Amino acid sequence: ILPYSIRAKGMTVVWFCIDAALFFNQYINPIALDNIGWKYYIFY
């Protein structure tokens, strides 16, 4: 869906959002699972 002139930059936005979400998930998930267990699933 991205035109050539902004394709690389647009995909960089996609990767940024993926990596930011991954960092949050990978750092927060084990802490949340240890502390509140299945109740953490309600957020999702």
All heavy atoms as atom14 arrays in JSON, in Angstrom:
{
  "sequence": "ILPYSIRAKGMTVVWFCIDAALFFNQYINPIALDNIGWKYYIFY",
  "atom14_mask": [
    [1, 1, 1, 1, 1, 1, 1, 1, 0, 0, 0, 0, 0, 0],
    [1, 1, 1, 1, 1, 1, 1, 1, 0, 0, 0, 0, 0, 0],
    [1, 1, 1, 1, 1, 1, 1, 0, 0, 0, 0, 0, 0, 0],
    [1, 1, 1, 1, 1, 1, 1, 1, 1, 1, 1, 1, 0, 0],
    [1, 1, 1, 1, 1, 1, 0, 0, 0, 0, 0, 0, 0, 0],
    [1, 1, 1, 1, 1, 1, 1, 1, 0, 0, 0, 0, 0, 0],
    [1, 1, 1, 1, 1, 1, 1, 1, 1, 1, 1, 0, 0, 0],
    [1, 1, 1, 1, 1, 0, 0, 0, 0, 0, 0, 0, 0, 0],
    [1, 1, 1, 1, 1, 1, 1, 1, 1, 0, 0, 0, 0, 0],
    [1, 1, 1, 1, 0, 0, 0, 0, 0, 0, 0, 0, 0, 0],
    [1, 1, 1, 1, 1, 1, 1, 1, 0, 0, 0, 0, 0, 0],
    [1, 1, 1, 1, 1, 1, 1, 0, 0, 0, 0, 0, 0, 0],
    [1, 1, 1, 1, 1, 1, 1, 0, 0, 0, 0, 0, 0, 0],
    [1, 1, 1, 1, 1, 1, 1, 0, 0, 0, 0, 0, 0, 0],
    [1, 1, 1, 1, 1, 1, 1, 1, 1, 1, 1, 1, 1, 1],
    [1, 1, 1, 1, 1, 1, 1, 1, 1, 1, 1, 0, 0, 0],
    [1, 1, 1, 1, 1, 1, 0, 0, 0, 0, 0, 0, 0, 0],
    [1, 1, 1, 1, 1, 1, 1, 1, 0, 0, 0, 0, 0, 0],
    [1, 1, 1, 1, 1, 1, 1, 1, 0, 0, 0, 0, 0, 0],
    [1, 1, 1, 1, 1, 0, 0, 0, 0, 0, 0, 0, 0, 0],
    [1, 1, 1, 1, 1, 0, 0, 0, 0, 0, 0, 0, 0, 0],
    [1, 1, 1, 1, 1, 1, 1, 1, 0, 0, 0, 0, 0, 0],
    [1, 1, 1, 1, 1, 1, 1, 1, 1, 1, 1, 0, 0, 0],
    [1, 1, 1, 1, 1, 1, 1, 1, 1, 1, 1, 0, 0, 0],
    [1, 1, 1, 1, 1, 1, 1, 1, 0, 0, 0, 0, 0, 0],
    [1, 1, 1, 1, 1, 1, 1, 1, 1, 0, 0, 0, 0, 0],
    [1, 1, 1, 1, 1, 1, 1, 1, 1, 1, 1, 1, 0, 0],
    [1, 1, 1, 1, 1, 1, 1, 1, 0, 0, 0, 0, 0, 0],
    [1, 1, 1, 1, 1, 1, 1, 1, 0, 0, 0, 0, 0, 0],
    [1, 1, 1, 1, 1, 1, 1, 0, 0, 0, 0, 0, 0, 0],
    [1, 1, 1, 1, 1, 1, 1, 1, 0, 0, 0, 0, 0, 0],
    [1, 1, 1, 1, 1, 0, 0, 0, 0, 0, 0, 0, 0, 0],
    [1, 1, 1, 1, 1, 1, 1, 1, 0, 0, 0, 0, 0, 0],
    [1, 1, 1, 1, 1, 1, 1, 1, 0, 0, 0, 0, 0, 0],
    [1, 1, 1, 1, 1, 1, 1, 1, 0, 0, 0, 0, 0, 0],
    [1, 1, 1, 1, 1, 1, 1, 1, 0, 0, 0, 0, 0, 0],
    [1, 1, 1, 1, 0, 0, 0, 0, 0, 0, 0, 0, 0, 0],
    [1, 1, 1, 1, 1, 1, 1, 1, 1, 1, 1, 1, 1, 1],
    [1, 1, 1, 1, 1, 1, 1, 1, 1, 0, 0, 0, 0, 0],
    [1, 1, 1, 1, 1, 1, 1, 1, 1, 1, 1, 1, 0, 0],
    [1, 1, 1, 1, 1, 1, 1, 1, 1, 1, 1, 1, 0, 0],
    [1, 1, 1, 1, 1, 1, 1, 1, 0, 0, 0, 0, 0, 0],
    [1, 1, 1, 1, 1, 1, 1, 1, 1, 1, 1, 0, 0, 0],
    [1, 1, 1, 1, 1, 1, 1, 1, 1, 1, 1, 1, 0, 0]
  ],
  "atom14_positions": [
    [[0.81, -1.22, 0.0], [0.0, 0.0, 0.0], [0.85, 1.27, 0.0], [0.32, 2.37, -0.21], [-0.96, 0.04, 1.22], [-0.18, 0.15, 2.53], [-1.89, -1.16, 1.21], [-1.05, 0.35, 3.76], [0.0, 0.0, 0.0], [0.0, 0.0, 0.0], [0.0, 0.0, 0.0], [0.0, 0.0, 0.0], [0.0, 0.0, 0.0], [0.0, 0.0, 0.0]],
    [[2.16, 1.14, 0.19], [3.04, 2.31, 0.28], [3.64, 2.66, -1.08], [4.19, 1.78, -1.76], [4.17, 2.04, 1.27], [3.76, 1.88, 2.73], [4.85, 1.19, 3.53], [3.43, 3.25, 3.34], [0.0, 0.0, 0.0], [0.0, 0.0, 0.0], [0.0, 0.0, 0.0], [0.0, 0.0, 0.0], [0.0, 0.0, 0.0], [0.0, 0.0, 0.0]],
    [[3.57, 3.92, -1.52], [4.24, 4.35, -2.75], [5.76, 4.21, -2.62], [6.28, 4.2, -1.49], [3.85, 5.82, -2.89], [2.68, 6.01, -1.98], [2.86, 5.03, -0.88], [0.0, 0.0, 0.0], [0.0, 0.0, 0.0], [0.0, 0.0, 0.0], [0.0, 0.0, 0.0], [0.0, 0.0, 0.0], [0.0, 0.0, 0.0], [0.0, 0.0, 0.0]],
    [[6.47, 4.14, -3.73], [7.91, 3.91, -3.69], [8.63, 4.93, -2.83], [9.5, 4.58, -2.03], [8.52, 3.92, -5.1], [10.02, 3.71, -5.05], [10.55, 2.42, -5.04], [10.9, 4.78, -4.96], [11.91, 2.21, -4.94], [12.27, 4.58, -4.86], [12.77, 3.29, -4.86], [14.11, 3.09, -4.74], [0.0, 0.0, 0.0], [0.0, 0.0, 0.0]],
    [[8.28, 6.21, -2.97], [9.05, 7.27, -2.3], [9.03, 7.17, -0.78], [9.94, 7.64, -0.11], [8.53, 8.65, -2.73], [7.18, 8.8, -2.34], [0.0, 0.0, 0.0], [0.0, 0.0, 0.0], [0.0, 0.0, 0.0], [0.0, 0.0, 0.0], [0.0, 0.0, 0.0], [0.0, 0.0, 0.0], [0.0, 0.0, 0.0], [0.0, 0.0, 0.0]],
    [[7.98, 6.54, -0.23], [7.9, 6.41, 1.24], [7.83, 4.95, 1.67], [7.54, 4.66, 2.83], [6.68, 7.18, 1.81], [5.37, 6.65, 1.2], [6.84, 8.67, 1.6], [4.11, 7.22, 1.87], [0.0, 0.0, 0.0], [0.0, 0.0, 0.0], [0.0, 0.0, 0.0], [0.0, 0.0, 0.0], [0.0, 0.0, 0.0], [0.0, 0.0, 0.0]],
    [[8.11, 4.03, 0.74], [7.97, 2.61, 1.08], [8.94, 2.19, 2.17], [8.55, 1.52, 3.14], [8.16, 1.76, -0.18], [7.86, 0.26, 0.03], [7.76, -0.47, -1.3], [6.59, -0.01, -2.02], [6.56, 0.15, -3.35], [7.62, -0.09, -4.07], [5.44, 0.54, -3.94], [0.0, 0.0, 0.0], [0.0, 0.0, 0.0], [0.0, 0.0, 0.0]],
    [[10.21, 2.56, 2.05], [11.2, 2.16, 3.07], [10.89, 2.81, 4.41], [10.97, 2.17, 5.46], [12.61, 2.53, 2.61], [0.0, 0.0, 0.0], [0.0, 0.0, 0.0], [0.0, 0.0, 0.0], [0.0, 0.0, 0.0], [0.0, 0.0, 0.0], [0.0, 0.0, 0.0], [0.0, 0.0, 0.0], [0.0, 0.0, 0.0], [0.0, 0.0, 0.0]],
    [[10.49, 4.08, 4.38], [10.18, 4.78, 5.63], [8.9, 4.25, 6.25], [8.78, 4.11, 7.47], [10.1, 6.28, 5.39], [11.44, 6.93, 5.07], [11.32, 8.42, 4.88], [12.69, 9.07, 4.73], [13.41, 8.6, 3.54], [0.0, 0.0, 0.0], [0.0, 0.0, 0.0], [0.0, 0.0, 0.0], [0.0, 0.0, 0.0], [0.0, 0.0, 0.0]],
    [[7.9, 3.97, 5.42], [6.65, 3.42, 5.93], [6.86, 2.06, 6.58], [6.29, 1.77, 7.64], [0.0, 0.0, 0.0], [0.0, 0.0, 0.0], [0.0, 0.0, 0.0], [0.0, 0.0, 0.0], [0.0, 0.0, 0.0], [0.0, 0.0, 0.0], [0.0, 0.0, 0.0], [0.0, 0.0, 0.0], [0.0, 0.0, 0.0], [0.0, 0.0, 0.0]],
    [[7.68, 1.21, 5.95], [7.96, -0.1, 6.53], [8.8, 0.03, 7.81], [8.7, -0.79, 8.71], [8.67, -0.99, 5.52], [7.78, -1.48, 4.38], [6.26, -2.27, 4.95], [6.91, -3.72, 5.79], [0.0, 0.0, 0.0], [0.0, 0.0, 0.0], [0.0, 0.0, 0.0], [0.0, 0.0, 0.0], [0.0, 0.0, 0.0], [0.0, 0.0, 0.0]],
    [[9.61, 1.08, 7.88], [10.37, 1.33, 9.11], [9.42, 1.63, 10.26], [9.64, 1.22, 11.4], [11.35, 2.5, 8.92], [12.27, 2.17, 7.86], [12.13, 2.78, 10.19], [0.0, 0.0, 0.0], [0.0, 0.0, 0.0], [0.0, 0.0, 0.0], [0.0, 0.0, 0.0], [0.0, 0.0, 0.0], [0.0, 0.0, 0.0], [0.0, 0.0, 0.0]],
    [[8.32, 2.36, 9.97], [7.3, 2.61, 10.98], [6.68, 1.29, 11.44], [6.46, 1.08, 12.64], [6.2, 3.55, 10.43], [5.02, 3.64, 11.4], [6.77, 4.93, 10.16], [0.0, 0.0, 0.0], [0.0, 0.0, 0.0], [0.0, 0.0, 0.0], [0.0, 0.0, 0.0], [0.0, 0.0, 0.0], [0.0, 0.0, 0.0], [0.0, 0.0, 0.0]],
    [[6.41, 0.39, 10.48], [5.86, -0.93, 10.82], [6.81, -1.67, 11.75], [6.42, -2.2, 12.79], [5.6, -1.77, 9.55], [5.13, -3.17, 9.94], [4.56, -1.1, 8.67], [0.0, 0.0, 0.0], [0.0, 0.0, 0.0], [0.0, 0.0, 0.0], [0.0, 0.0, 0.0], [0.0, 0.0, 0.0], [0.0, 0.0, 0.0], [0.0, 0.0, 0.0]],
    [[8.12, -1.7, 11.37], [9.1, -2.43, 12.19], [9.26, -1.78, 13.57], [9.45, -2.47, 14.57], [10.46, -2.47, 11.48], [10.45, -3.11, 10.14], [10.97, -2.62, 8.98], [9.88, -4.39, 9.78], [10.77, -3.48, 7.94], [10.11, -4.57, 8.4], [9.19, -5.37, 10.49], [9.67, -5.71, 7.72], [8.76, -6.5, 9.81], [9.0, -6.66, 8.45]],
    [[9.18, -0.44, 13.61], [9.28, 0.25, 14.91], [8.14, -0.19, 15.83], [8.36, -0.49, 17.02], [9.24, 1.76, 14.72], [9.16, 2.53, 16.02], [10.3, 2.76, 16.77], [7.93, 2.98, 16.5], [10.22, 3.44, 17.98], [7.85, 3.66, 17.7], [9.0, 3.88, 18.44], [0.0, 0.0, 0.0], [0.0, 0.0, 0.0], [0.0, 0.0, 0.0]],
    [[6.93, -0.2, 15.29], [5.77, -0.59, 16.1], [5.87, -2.06, 16.53], [5.51, -2.4, 17.66], [4.48, -0.36, 15.32], [4.13, 1.39, 15.02], [0.0, 0.0, 0.0], [0.0, 0.0, 0.0], [0.0, 0.0, 0.0], [0.0, 0.0, 0.0], [0.0, 0.0, 0.0], [0.0, 0.0, 0.0], [0.0, 0.0, 0.0], [0.0, 0.0, 0.0]],
    [[6.36, -2.92, 15.63], [6.54, -4.33, 15.98], [7.56, -4.47, 17.1], [7.33, -5.16, 18.1], [6.99, -5.14, 14.75], [5.85, -5.26, 13.74], [7.48, -6.54, 15.15], [6.26, -5.88, 12.42], [0.0, 0.0, 0.0], [0.0, 0.0, 0.0], [0.0, 0.0, 0.0], [0.0, 0.0, 0.0], [0.0, 0.0, 0.0], [0.0, 0.0, 0.0]],
    [[8.71, -3.8, 16.94], [9.79, -3.93, 17.93], [9.4, -3.31, 19.26], [9.74, -3.84, 20.34], [11.07, -3.29, 17.4], [11.67, -4.08, 16.24], [11.5, -5.31, 16.23], [12.3, -3.47, 15.36], [0.0, 0.0, 0.0], [0.0, 0.0, 0.0], [0.0, 0.0, 0.0], [0.0, 0.0, 0.0], [0.0, 0.0, 0.0], [0.0, 0.0, 0.0]],
    [[8.69, -2.17, 19.21], [8.24, -1.54, 20.46], [7.26, -2.46, 21.19], [7.34, -2.62, 22.41], [7.59, -0.19, 20.16], [0.0, 0.0, 0.0], [0.0, 0.0, 0.0], [0.0, 0.0, 0.0], [0.0, 0.0, 0.0], [0.0, 0.0, 0.0], [0.0, 0.0, 0.0], [0.0, 0.0, 0.0], [0.0, 0.0, 0.0], [0.0, 0.0, 0.0]],
    [[6.34, -3.05, 20.42], [5.37, -3.97, 21.03], [6.06, -5.22, 21.57], [5.72, -5.72, 22.64], [4.31, -4.36, 20.0], [0.0, 0.0, 0.0], [0.0, 0.0, 0.0], [0.0, 0.0, 0.0], [0.0, 0.0, 0.0], [0.0, 0.0, 0.0], [0.0, 0.0, 0.0], [0.0, 0.0, 0.0], [0.0, 0.0, 0.0], [0.0, 0.0, 0.0]],
    [[7.04, -5.72, 20.81], [7.79, -6.9, 21.26], [8.56, -6.62, 22.53], [8.58, -7.44, 23.46], [8.75, -7.36, 20.16], [8.18, -8.22, 19.04], [9.21, -8.42, 17.95], [7.71, -9.56, 19.57], [0.0, 0.0, 0.0], [0.0, 0.0, 0.0], [0.0, 0.0, 0.0], [0.0, 0.0, 0.0], [0.0, 0.0, 0.0], [0.0, 0.0, 0.0]],
    [[9.21, -5.45, 22.58], [9.98, -5.1, 23.76], [9.07, -5.03, 24.98], [9.38, -5.57, 26.05], [10.7, -3.77, 23.57], [11.5, -3.34, 24.78], [12.73, -3.91, 25.04], [11.0, -2.4, 25.67], [13.47, -3.54, 26.17], [11.71, -2.02, 26.79], [12.96, -2.59, 27.04], [0.0, 0.0, 0.0], [0.0, 0.0, 0.0], [0.0, 0.0, 0.0]],
    [[7.93, -4.39, 24.81], [6.96, -4.3, 25.91], [6.51, -5.7, 26.34], [6.5, -6.04, 27.52], [5.75, -3.47, 25.48], [4.65, -3.41, 26.5], [4.66, -2.44, 27.49], [3.61, -4.33, 26.47], [3.64, -2.39, 28.44], [2.59, -4.29, 27.42], [2.61, -3.32, 28.4], [0.0, 0.0, 0.0], [0.0, 0.0, 0.0], [0.0, 0.0, 0.0]],
    [[6.12, -6.5, 25.33], [5.63, -7.86, 25.63], [6.68, -8.71, 26.33], [6.41, -9.38, 27.32], [5.22, -8.56, 24.33], [3.83, -8.13, 23.88], [3.1, -7.51, 24.64], [3.48, -8.47, 22.66], [0.0, 0.0, 0.0], [0.0, 0.0, 0.0], [0.0, 0.0, 0.0], [0.0, 0.0, 0.0], [0.0, 0.0, 0.0], [0.0, 0.0, 0.0]],
    [[7.88, -8.69, 25.77], [8.92, -9.59, 26.27], [9.42, -9.19, 27.65], [9.84, -10.05, 28.43], [10.09, -9.63, 25.27], [9.71, -10.3, 23.96], [10.65, -9.94, 22.83], [11.53, -9.09, 22.96], [10.48, -10.58, 21.69], [0.0, 0.0, 0.0], [0.0, 0.0, 0.0], [0.0, 0.0, 0.0], [0.0, 0.0, 0.0], [0.0, 0.0, 0.0]],
    [[9.34, -7.91, 27.96], [9.8, -7.44, 29.27], [8.68, -7.51, 30.31], [8.9, -7.9, 31.46], [10.34, -6.01, 29.16], [11.04, -5.56, 30.42], [12.26, -6.13, 30.81], [10.49, -4.57, 31.22], [12.9, -5.72, 31.97], [11.13, -4.16, 32.38], [12.33, -4.75, 32.75], [12.96, -4.35, 33.9], [0.0, 0.0, 0.0], [0.0, 0.0, 0.0]],
    [[7.47, -7.12, 29.89], [6.35, -7.04, 30.83], [5.67, -8.39, 31.04], [5.24, -8.73, 32.15], [5.31, -6.0, 30.36], [5.95, -4.6, 30.31], [4.08, -6.0, 31.26], [6.45, -4.11, 31.65], [0.0, 0.0, 0.0], [0.0, 0.0, 0.0], [0.0, 0.0, 0.0], [0.0, 0.0, 0.0], [0.0, 0.0, 0.0], [0.0, 0.0, 0.0]],
    [[5.54, -9.19, 29.96], [4.77, -10.43, 30.06], [5.21, -11.36, 31.2], [4.37, -11.84, 31.96], [4.81, -11.19, 28.73], [3.84, -10.61, 27.72], [2.96, -9.83, 28.06], [3.99, -11.0, 26.47], [0.0, 0.0, 0.0], [0.0, 0.0, 0.0], [0.0, 0.0, 0.0], [0.0, 0.0, 0.0], [0.0, 0.0, 0.0], [0.0, 0.0, 0.0]],
    [[6.53, -11.66, 31.34], [6.9, -12.57, 32.42], [6.63, -12.0, 33.81], [6.28, -12.74, 34.74], [8.41, -12.78, 32.21], [8.87, -11.59, 31.45], [7.7, -11.24, 30.56], [0.0, 0.0, 0.0], [0.0, 0.0, 0.0], [0.0, 0.0, 0.0], [0.0, 0.0, 0.0], [0.0, 0.0, 0.0], [0.0, 0.0, 0.0], [0.0, 0.0, 0.0]],
    [[6.75, -10.66, 33.94], [6.47, -10.02, 35.23], [4.98, -10.12, 35.54], [4.57, -10.46, 36.66], [6.92, -8.55, 35.21], [8.44, -8.46, 34.96], [6.54, -7.85, 36.51], [8.95, -7.04, 34.77], [0.0, 0.0, 0.0], [0.0, 0.0, 0.0], [0.0, 0.0, 0.0], [0.0, 0.0, 0.0], [0.0, 0.0, 0.0], [0.0, 0.0, 0.0]],
    [[4.14, -9.82, 34.52], [2.68, -9.87, 34.71], [2.21, -11.3, 34.99], [1.36, -11.52, 35.86], [1.98, -9.32, 33.47], [0.0, 0.0, 0.0], [0.0, 0.0, 0.0], [0.0, 0.0, 0.0], [0.0, 0.0, 0.0], [0.0, 0.0, 0.0], [0.0, 0.0, 0.0], [0.0, 0.0, 0.0], [0.0, 0.0, 0.0], [0.0, 0.0, 0.0]],
    [[2.78, -12.26, 34.27], [2.38, -13.66, 34.48], [2.76, -14.13, 35.88], [2.02, -14.9, 36.51], [3.03, -14.55, 33.42], [2.49, -14.41, 31.99], [3.35, -15.19, 31.0], [1.04, -14.89, 31.91], [0.0, 0.0, 0.0], [0.0, 0.0, 0.0], [0.0, 0.0, 0.0], [0.0, 0.0, 0.0], [0.0, 0.0, 0.0], [0.0, 0.0, 0.0]],
    [[3.93, -13.69, 36.36], [4.36, -14.08, 37.71], [3.46, -13.48, 38.79], [3.25, -14.1, 39.84], [5.81, -13.63, 37.96], [6.82, -14.53, 37.25], [6.44, -15.64, 36.85], [7.99, -14.1, 37.1], [0.0, 0.0, 0.0], [0.0, 0.0, 0.0], [0.0, 0.0, 0.0], [0.0, 0.0, 0.0], [0.0, 0.0, 0.0], [0.0, 0.0, 0.0]],
    [[2.93, -12.29, 38.54], [2.2, -11.57, 39.59], [0.68, -11.72, 39.55], [0.05, -11.82, 40.62], [2.55, -10.07, 39.54], [3.95, -9.8, 40.04], [4.18, -9.69, 41.25], [4.91, -9.67, 39.14], [0.0, 0.0, 0.0], [0.0, 0.0, 0.0], [0.0, 0.0, 0.0], [0.0, 0.0, 0.0], [0.0, 0.0, 0.0], [0.0, 0.0, 0.0]],
    [[0.1, -11.74, 38.36], [-1.37, -11.82, 38.31], [-1.88, -13.01, 37.51], [-3.09, -13.21, 37.4], [-1.99, -10.51, 37.75], [-1.47, -10.21, 36.34], [-1.72, -9.36, 38.68], [-2.13, -8.98, 35.72], [0.0, 0.0, 0.0], [0.0, 0.0, 0.0], [0.0, 0.0, 0.0], [0.0, 0.0, 0.0], [0.0, 0.0, 0.0], [0.0, 0.0, 0.0]],
    [[-0.99, -13.79, 36.9], [-1.39, -15.02, 36.23], [-2.42, -14.82, 35.13], [-2.3, -13.9, 34.32], [0.0, 0.0, 0.0], [0.0, 0.0, 0.0], [0.0, 0.0, 0.0], [0.0, 0.0, 0.0], [0.0, 0.0, 0.0], [0.0, 0.0, 0.0], [0.0, 0.0, 0.0], [0.0, 0.0, 0.0], [0.0, 0.0, 0.0], [0.0, 0.0, 0.0]],
    [[-3.47, -15.66, 35.15], [-4.46, -15.65, 34.06], [-5.22, -14.32, 33.97], [-5.76, -13.99, 32.89], [-5.46, -16.79, 34.26], [-6.35, -16.65, 35.46], [-6.14, -17.16, 36.7], [-7.58, -15.91, 35.53], [-7.16, -16.8, 37.55], [-8.08, -16.04, 36.86], [-8.33, -15.18, 34.62], [-9.26, -15.45, 37.28], [-9.51, -14.58, 35.04], [-9.97, -14.72, 36.35]],
    [[-5.28, -13.55, 35.02], [-6.01, -12.27, 34.98], [-5.4, -11.31, 33.95], [-6.08, -10.4, 33.45], [-6.03, -11.62, 36.37], [-6.79, -12.44, 37.42], [-6.77, -11.72, 38.77], [-7.48, -12.53, 39.84], [-6.73, -13.77, 40.18], [0.0, 0.0, 0.0], [0.0, 0.0, 0.0], [0.0, 0.0, 0.0], [0.0, 0.0, 0.0], [0.0, 0.0, 0.0]],
    [[-4.13, -11.53, 33.65], [-3.46, -10.69, 32.65], [-4.07, -10.88, 31.28], [-4.03, -9.98, 30.43], [-1.97, -11.06, 32.63], [-1.11, -10.24, 31.69], [-1.2, -8.85, 31.64], [-0.19, -10.85, 30.85], [-0.41, -8.1, 30.79], [0.62, -10.13, 30.0], [0.51, -8.75, 29.97], [1.3, -8.02, 29.13], [0.0, 0.0, 0.0], [0.0, 0.0, 0.0]],
    [[-4.68, -12.05, 31.03], [-5.28, -12.34, 29.73], [-6.47, -11.42, 29.43], [-6.81, -11.2, 28.26], [-5.76, -13.79, 29.66], [-4.72, -14.84, 29.92], [-5.09, -16.15, 30.23], [-3.36, -14.55, 29.85], [-4.13, -17.13, 30.48], [-2.39, -15.52, 30.09], [-2.79, -16.81, 30.41], [-1.86, -17.78, 30.65], [0.0, 0.0, 0.0], [0.0, 0.0, 0.0]],
    [[-7.11, -10.91, 30.47], [-8.29, -10.05, 30.27], [-7.93, -8.81, 29.45], [-8.71, -8.34, 28.61], [-8.89, -9.64, 31.63], [-9.39, -10.89, 32.37], [-10.03, -8.64, 31.45], [-9.85, -10.62, 33.8], [0.0, 0.0, 0.0], [0.0, 0.0, 0.0], [0.0, 0.0, 0.0], [0.0, 0.0, 0.0], [0.0, 0.0, 0.0], [0.0, 0.0, 0.0]],
    [[-6.72, -8.29, 29.68], [-6.27, -7.12, 28.9], [-6.31, -7.42, 27.4], [-6.76, -6.59, 26.6], [-4.85, -6.73, 29.32], [-4.16, -5.82, 28.34], [-4.46, -4.48, 28.26], [-3.2, -6.34, 27.45], [-3.83, -3.65, 27.34], [-2.57, -5.52, 26.53], [-2.89, -4.17, 26.47], [0.0, 0.0, 0.0], [0.0, 0.0, 0.0], [0.0, 0.0, 0.0]],
    [[-5.83, -8.6, 27.02], [-5.78, -8.95, 25.6], [-7.18, -9.18, 25.03], [-7.41, -8.92, 23.84], [-4.91, -10.19, 25.4], [-3.43, -9.89, 25.57], [-2.73, -10.38, 26.66], [-2.75, -9.11, 24.65], [-1.38, -10.1, 26.84], [-1.4, -8.82, 24.81], [-0.72, -9.31, 25.9], [0.61, -9.02, 26.07], [0.0, 0.0, 0.0], [0.0, 0.0, 0.0]]
  ]
}
